[in-house]
């Protein structure tokens, strides 16, 4: 039985625009926690295209 690569089976990885947007969101939120910088500022630094900076910022109990 041959196994398919994750890129072919995971629906979140098939759509490259969505994958990139989610990756930028994940990295920028983690970096914001570590550095204290704002998530939006970090996301704009990471995203090569302005359309990728559509981040939903949730205010948690940390602030």
PDB file of N, CA and C in Angstrom:
ATOM      1  N   UNK A   1       0.839  -1.173   0.000  1.00  0.00           N
ATOM      2  CA  UNK A   1       0.000   0.000   0.000  1.00  0.00           C
ATOM      3  C   UNK A   1       0.892   1.247   0.000  1.00  0.00           C
ATOM      4  N   UNK A   2       0.803   2.034  -1.058  1.00  0.00           N
ATOM      5  CA  UNK A   2       1.624   3.240  -1.130  1.00  0.00           C
ATOM      6  C   UNK A   2       0.919   4.393  -0.411  1.00  0.00           C
ATOM      7  N   UNK A   3       1.709   5.153   0.293  1.00  0.00           N
ATOM      8  CA  UNK A   3       1.160   6.286   1.022  1.00  0.00           C
ATOM      9  C   UNK A   3       1.312   7.546   0.195  1.00  0.00           C
ATOM     10  N   UNK A   4       0.254   8.373   0.211  1.00  0.00           N
ATOM     11  CA  UNK A   4       0.314   9.643  -0.486  1.00  0.00           C
ATOM     12  C   UNK A   4       0.986  10.667   0.415  1.00  0.00           C
ATOM     13  N   UNK A   5       1.669  11.616  -0.191  1.00  0.00           N
ATOM     14  CA  UNK A   5       2.284  12.671   0.617  1.00  0.00           C
ATOM     15  C   UNK A   5       1.202  13.538   1.288  1.00  0.00           C
ATOM     16  N   UNK A   6       1.563  14.132   2.387  1.00  0.00           N
ATOM     17  CA  UNK A   6       0.636  14.966   3.144  1.00  0.00           C
ATOM     18  C   UNK A   6       0.091  16.114   2.305  1.00  0.00           C
ATOM     19  N   UNK A   7       0.899  16.662   1.423  1.00  0.00           N
ATOM     20  CA  UNK A   7       0.471  17.778   0.582  1.00  0.00           C
ATOM     21  C   UNK A   7      -0.699  17.397  -0.315  1.00  0.00           C
ATOM     22  N   UNK A   8      -0.837  16.117  -0.621  1.00  0.00           N
ATOM     23  CA  UNK A   8      -1.929  15.650  -1.476  1.00  0.00           C
ATOM     24  C   UNK A   8      -3.171  15.255  -0.688  1.00  0.00           C
ATOM     25  N   UNK A   9      -3.017  14.941   0.574  1.00  0.00           N
ATOM     26  CA  UNK A   9      -4.154  14.452   1.344  1.00  0.00           C
ATOM     27  C   UNK A   9      -4.747  15.483   2.297  1.00  0.00           C
ATOM     28  N   UNK A  10      -3.966  16.453   2.723  1.00  0.00           N
ATOM     29  CA  UNK A  10      -4.446  17.452   3.662  1.00  0.00           C
ATOM     30  C   UNK A  10      -5.113  18.595   2.901  1.00  0.00           C
ATOM     31  N   UNK A  11      -6.409  18.828   3.096  1.00  0.00           N
ATOM     32  CA  UNK A  11      -7.106  19.874   2.339  1.00  0.00           C
ATOM     33  C   UNK A  11      -6.587  21.279   2.656  1.00  0.00           C
ATOM     34  N   UNK A  12      -6.006  21.481   3.824  1.00  0.00           N
ATOM     35  CA  UNK A  12      -5.492  22.797   4.181  1.00  0.00           C
ATOM     36  C   UNK A  12      -4.197  23.113   3.445  1.00  0.00           C
ATOM     37  N   UNK A  13      -3.492  22.105   3.012  1.00  0.00           N
ATOM     38  CA  UNK A  13      -2.246  22.319   2.292  1.00  0.00           C
ATOM     39  C   UNK A  13      -2.447  22.389   0.783  1.00  0.00           C
ATOM     40  N   UNK A  14      -3.582  21.959   0.295  1.00  0.00           N
ATOM     41  CA  UNK A  14      -3.832  21.970  -1.146  1.00  0.00           C
ATOM     42  C   UNK A  14      -3.981  23.383  -1.686  1.00  0.00           C
ATOM     43  N   UNK A  15      -4.640  24.254  -0.943  1.00  0.00           N
ATOM     44  CA  UNK A  15      -4.839  25.636  -1.362  1.00  0.00           C
ATOM     45  C   UNK A  15      -3.633  26.445  -0.871  1.00  0.00           C
ATOM     46  N   UNK A  16      -2.707  26.742  -1.771  1.00  0.00           N
ATOM     47  CA  UNK A  16      -1.460  27.384  -1.381  1.00  0.00           C
ATOM     48  C   UNK A  16      -1.662  28.785  -0.816  1.00  0.00           C
ATOM     49  N   UNK A  17      -2.634  29.533  -1.309  1.00  0.00           N
ATOM     50  CA  UNK A  17      -2.886  30.879  -0.780  1.00  0.00           C
ATOM     51  C   UNK A  17      -3.367  30.795   0.665  1.00  0.00           C
ATOM     52  N   UNK A  18      -4.259  29.869   0.917  1.00  0.00           N
ATOM     53  CA  UNK A  18      -4.763  29.691   2.281  1.00  0.00           C
ATOM     54  C   UNK A  18      -3.656  29.179   3.204  1.00  0.00           C
ATOM     55  N   UNK A  19      -2.867  28.258   2.712  1.00  0.00           N
ATOM     56  CA  UNK A  19      -1.755  27.724   3.493  1.00  0.00           C
ATOM     57  C   UNK A  19      -0.783  28.838   3.873  1.00  0.00           C
ATOM     58  N   UNK A  20      -0.426  29.665   2.898  1.00  0.00           N
ATOM     59  CA  UNK A  20       0.519  30.760   3.151  1.00  0.00           C
ATOM     60  C   UNK A  20      -0.073  31.762   4.159  1.00  0.00           C
ATOM     61  N   UNK A  21      -1.353  32.101   3.995  1.00  0.00           N
ATOM     62  CA  UNK A  21      -2.012  33.034   4.907  1.00  0.00           C
ATOM     63  C   UNK A  21      -2.016  32.483   6.325  1.00  0.00           C
ATOM     64  N   UNK A  22      -2.354  31.219   6.470  1.00  0.00           N
ATOM     65  CA  UNK A  22      -2.384  30.593   7.790  1.00  0.00           C
ATOM     66  C   UNK A  22      -0.989  30.475   8.393  1.00  0.00           C
ATOM     67  N   UNK A  23       0.004  30.234   7.559  1.00  0.00           N
ATOM     68  CA  UNK A  23       1.378  30.163   8.034  1.00  0.00           C
ATOM     69  C   UNK A  23       1.849  31.519   8.552  1.00  0.00           C
ATOM     70  N   UNK A  24       1.558  32.578   7.805  1.00  0.00           N
ATOM     71  CA  UNK A  24       1.915  33.925   8.235  1.00  0.00           C
ATOM     72  C   UNK A  24       1.215  34.265   9.543  1.00  0.00           C
ATOM     73  N   UNK A  25      -0.054  33.891   9.675  1.00  0.00           N
ATOM     74  CA  UNK A  25      -0.796  34.134  10.908  1.00  0.00           C
ATOM     75  C   UNK A  25      -0.164  33.410  12.083  1.00  0.00           C
ATOM     76  N   UNK A  26       0.176  32.156  11.887  1.00  0.00           N
ATOM     77  CA  UNK A  26       0.760  31.359  12.953  1.00  0.00           C
ATOM     78  C   UNK A  26       2.116  31.899  13.396  1.00  0.00           C
ATOM     79  N   UNK A  27       2.963  32.190  12.435  1.00  0.00           N
ATOM     80  CA  UNK A  27       4.303  32.683  12.758  1.00  0.00           C
ATOM     81  C   UNK A  27       4.234  34.066  13.398  1.00  0.00           C
ATOM     82  N   UNK A  28       3.395  34.933  12.866  1.00  0.00           N
ATOM     83  CA  UNK A  28       3.330  36.293  13.408  1.00  0.00           C
ATOM     84  C   UNK A  28       2.738  36.317  14.810  1.00  0.00           C
ATOM     85  N   UNK A  29       1.747  35.475  15.087  1.00  0.00           N
ATOM     86  CA  UNK A  29       1.187  35.455  16.441  1.00  0.00           C
ATOM     87  C   UNK A  29       2.177  34.870  17.443  1.00  0.00           C
ATOM     88  N   UNK A  30       2.911  33.853  17.050  1.00  0.00           N
ATOM     89  CA  UNK A  30       3.924  33.282  17.933  1.00  0.00           C
ATOM     90  C   UNK A  30       5.054  34.272  18.195  1.00  0.00           C
ATOM     91  N   UNK A  31       5.459  34.966  17.140  1.00  0.00           N
ATOM     92  CA  UNK A  31       6.519  35.958  17.282  1.00  0.00           C
ATOM     93  C   UNK A  31       6.073  37.120  18.156  1.00  0.00           C
ATOM     94  N   UNK A  32       4.815  37.517  18.018  1.00  0.00           N
ATOM     95  CA  UNK A  32       4.284  38.604  18.842  1.00  0.00           C
ATOM     96  C   UNK A  32       4.299  38.228  20.320  1.00  0.00           C
ATOM     97  N   UNK A  33       3.980  37.002  20.623  1.00  0.00           N
ATOM     98  CA  UNK A  33       4.005  36.545  22.013  1.00  0.00           C
ATOM     99  C   UNK A  33       5.427  36.601  22.564  1.00  0.00           C
ATOM    100  N   UNK A  34       6.385  36.174  21.752  1.00  0.00           N
ATOM    101  CA  UNK A  34       7.774  36.135  22.201  1.00  0.00           C
ATOM    102  C   UNK A  34       8.415  37.517  22.294  1.00  0.00           C
ATOM    103  N   UNK A  35       8.067  38.424  21.367  1.00  0.00           N
ATOM    104  CA  UNK A  35       8.754  39.706  21.287  1.00  0.00           C
ATOM    105  C   UNK A  35       7.966  40.866  21.872  1.00  0.00           C
ATOM    106  N   UNK A  36       6.665  40.732  21.982  1.00  0.00           N
ATOM    107  CA  UNK A  36       5.840  41.834  22.465  1.00  0.00           C
ATOM    108  C   UNK A  36       5.416  42.796  21.369  1.00  0.00           C
ATOM    109  N   UNK A  37       5.811  42.522  20.128  1.00  0.00           N
ATOM    110  CA  UNK A  37       5.410  43.364  19.003  1.00  0.00           C
ATOM    111  C   UNK A  37       3.960  43.059  18.621  1.00  0.00           C
ATOM    112  N   UNK A  38       3.375  43.916  17.824  1.00  0.00           N
ATOM    113  CA  UNK A  38       1.997  43.703  17.378  1.00  0.00           C
ATOM    114  C   UNK A  38       1.947  42.660  16.255  1.00  0.00           C
ATOM    115  N   UNK A  39       0.890  41.861  16.269  1.00  0.00           N
ATOM    116  CA  UNK A  39       0.723  40.790  15.279  1.00  0.00           C
ATOM    117  C   UNK A  39       0.657  41.357  13.868  1.00  0.00           C
ATOM    118  N   UNK A  40      -0.121  42.413  13.668  1.00  0.00           N
ATOM    119  CA  UNK A  40      -0.277  43.006  12.337  1.00  0.00           C
ATOM    120  C   UNK A  40       1.028  43.516  11.760  1.00  0.00           C
ATOM    121  N   UNK A  41       1.854  44.099  12.601  1.00  0.00           N
ATOM    122  CA  UNK A  41       3.152  44.612  12.151  1.00  0.00           C
ATOM    123  C   UNK A  41       4.044  43.472  11.676  1.00  0.00           C
ATOM    124  N   UNK A  42       4.070  42.407  12.431  1.00  0.00           N
ATOM    125  CA  UNK A  42       4.886  41.251  12.057  1.00  0.00           C
ATOM    126  C   UNK A  42       4.344  40.601  10.790  1.00  0.00           C
ATOM    127  N   UNK A  43       3.028  40.495  10.683  1.00  0.00           N
ATOM    128  CA  UNK A  43       2.414  39.877   9.497  1.00  0.00           C
ATOM    129  C   UNK A  43       2.742  40.668   8.240  1.00  0.00           C
ATOM    130  N   UNK A  44       2.714  41.992   8.333  1.00  0.00           N
ATOM    131  CA  UNK A  44       3.055  42.804   7.164  1.00  0.00           C
ATOM    132  C   UNK A  44       4.516  42.609   6.762  1.00  0.00           C
ATOM    133  N   UNK A  45       5.369  42.353   7.716  1.00  0.00           N
ATOM    134  CA  UNK A  45       6.770  42.097   7.429  1.00  0.00           C
ATOM    135  C   UNK A  45       6.950  40.755   6.720  1.00  0.00           C
ATOM    136  N   UNK A  46       6.172  39.770   7.119  1.00  0.00           N
ATOM    137  CA  UNK A  46       6.303  38.421   6.561  1.00  0.00           C
ATOM    138  C   UNK A  46       5.608  38.248   5.223  1.00  0.00           C
ATOM    139  N   UNK A  47       4.489  38.915   5.022  1.00  0.00           N
ATOM    140  CA  UNK A  47       3.669  38.694   3.825  1.00  0.00           C
ATOM    141  C   UNK A  47       4.221  39.483   2.643  1.00  0.00           C
ATOM    142  N   UNK A  48       4.536  38.799   1.545  1.00  0.00           N
ATOM    143  CA  UNK A  48       5.026  39.501   0.356  1.00  0.00           C
ATOM    144  C   UNK A  48       3.913  40.249  -0.365  1.00  0.00           C
ATOM    145  N   UNK A  49       2.680  39.843  -0.158  1.00  0.00           N
ATOM    146  CA  UNK A  49       1.531  40.477  -0.812  1.00  0.00           C
ATOM    147  C   UNK A  49       0.605  41.050   0.257  1.00  0.00           C
ATOM    148  N   UNK A  50       0.116  42.281   0.069  1.00  0.00           N
ATOM    149  CA  UNK A  50      -0.793  42.868   1.064  1.00  0.00           C
ATOM    150  C   UNK A  50      -2.066  42.062   1.283  1.00  0.00           C
ATOM    151  N   UNK A  51      -2.501  41.305   0.294  1.00  0.00           N
ATOM    152  CA  UNK A  51      -3.732  40.526   0.433  1.00  0.00           C
ATOM    153  C   UNK A  51      -3.590  39.393   1.449  1.00  0.00           C
ATOM    154  N   UNK A  52      -2.361  39.040   1.819  1.00  0.00           N
ATOM    155  CA  UNK A  52      -2.154  37.955   2.767  1.00  0.00           C
ATOM    156  C   UNK A  52      -2.270  38.410   4.216  1.00  0.00           C
ATOM    157  N   UNK A  53      -2.359  39.715   4.446  1.00  0.00           N
ATOM    158  CA  UNK A  53      -2.388  40.237   5.808  1.00  0.00           C
ATOM    159  C   UNK A  53      -3.830  40.396   6.280  1.00  0.00           C
ATOM    160  N   UNK A  54      -4.582  39.340   6.211  1.00  0.00           N
ATOM    161  CA  UNK A  54      -5.953  39.326   6.700  1.00  0.00           C
ATOM    162  C   UNK A  54      -5.992  38.476   7.953  1.00  0.00           C
ATOM    163  N   UNK A  55      -5.534  39.043   9.031  1.00  0.00           N
ATOM    164  CA  UNK A  55      -5.410  38.301  10.279  1.00  0.00           C
ATOM    165  C   UNK A  55      -6.513  38.717  11.230  1.00  0.00           C
ATOM    166  N   UNK A  56      -7.193  37.749  11.780  1.00  0.00           N
ATOM    167  CA  UNK A  56      -8.191  38.011  12.802  1.00  0.00           C
ATOM    168  C   UNK A  56      -7.476  38.022  14.140  1.00  0.00           C
ATOM    169  N   UNK A  57      -7.514  39.143  14.796  1.00  0.00           N
ATOM    170  CA  UNK A  57      -6.835  39.264  16.084  1.00  0.00           C
ATOM    171  C   UNK A  57      -7.861  39.089  17.187  1.00  0.00           C
ATOM    172  N   UNK A  58      -7.639  38.092  18.026  1.00  0.00           N
ATOM    173  CA  UNK A  58      -8.516  37.846  19.157  1.00  0.00           C
ATOM    174  C   UNK A  58      -7.833  38.351  20.405  1.00  0.00           C
ATOM    175  N   UNK A  59      -8.575  39.062  21.188  1.00  0.00           N
ATOM    176  CA  UNK A  59      -8.035  39.555  22.456  1.00  0.00           C
ATOM    177  C   UNK A  59      -8.295  38.514  23.516  1.00  0.00           C
ATOM    178  N   UNK A  60      -7.236  37.961  24.020  1.00  0.00           N
ATOM    179  CA  UNK A  60      -7.367  36.942  25.049  1.00  0.00           C
ATOM    180  C   UNK A  60      -7.129  37.517  26.434  1.00  0.00           C
ATOM    181  N   UNK A  61      -6.953  36.656  27.381  1.00  0.00           N
ATOM    182  CA  UNK A  61      -6.738  37.090  28.755  1.00  0.00           C
ATOM    183  C   UNK A  61      -5.313  37.586  28.971  1.00  0.00           C
ATOM    184  N   UNK A  62      -4.447  37.429  27.974  1.00  0.00           N
ATOM    185  CA  UNK A  62      -3.051  37.836  28.125  1.00  0.00           C
ATOM    186  C   UNK A  62      -2.891  39.348  28.108  1.00  0.00           C
ATOM    187  N   UNK A  63      -3.839  40.071  27.567  1.00  0.00           N
ATOM    188  CA  UNK A  63      -3.711  41.539  27.491  1.00  0.00           C
ATOM    189  C   UNK A  63      -4.784  42.221  28.258  1.00  0.00           C
TER     190      UNK A  63
END
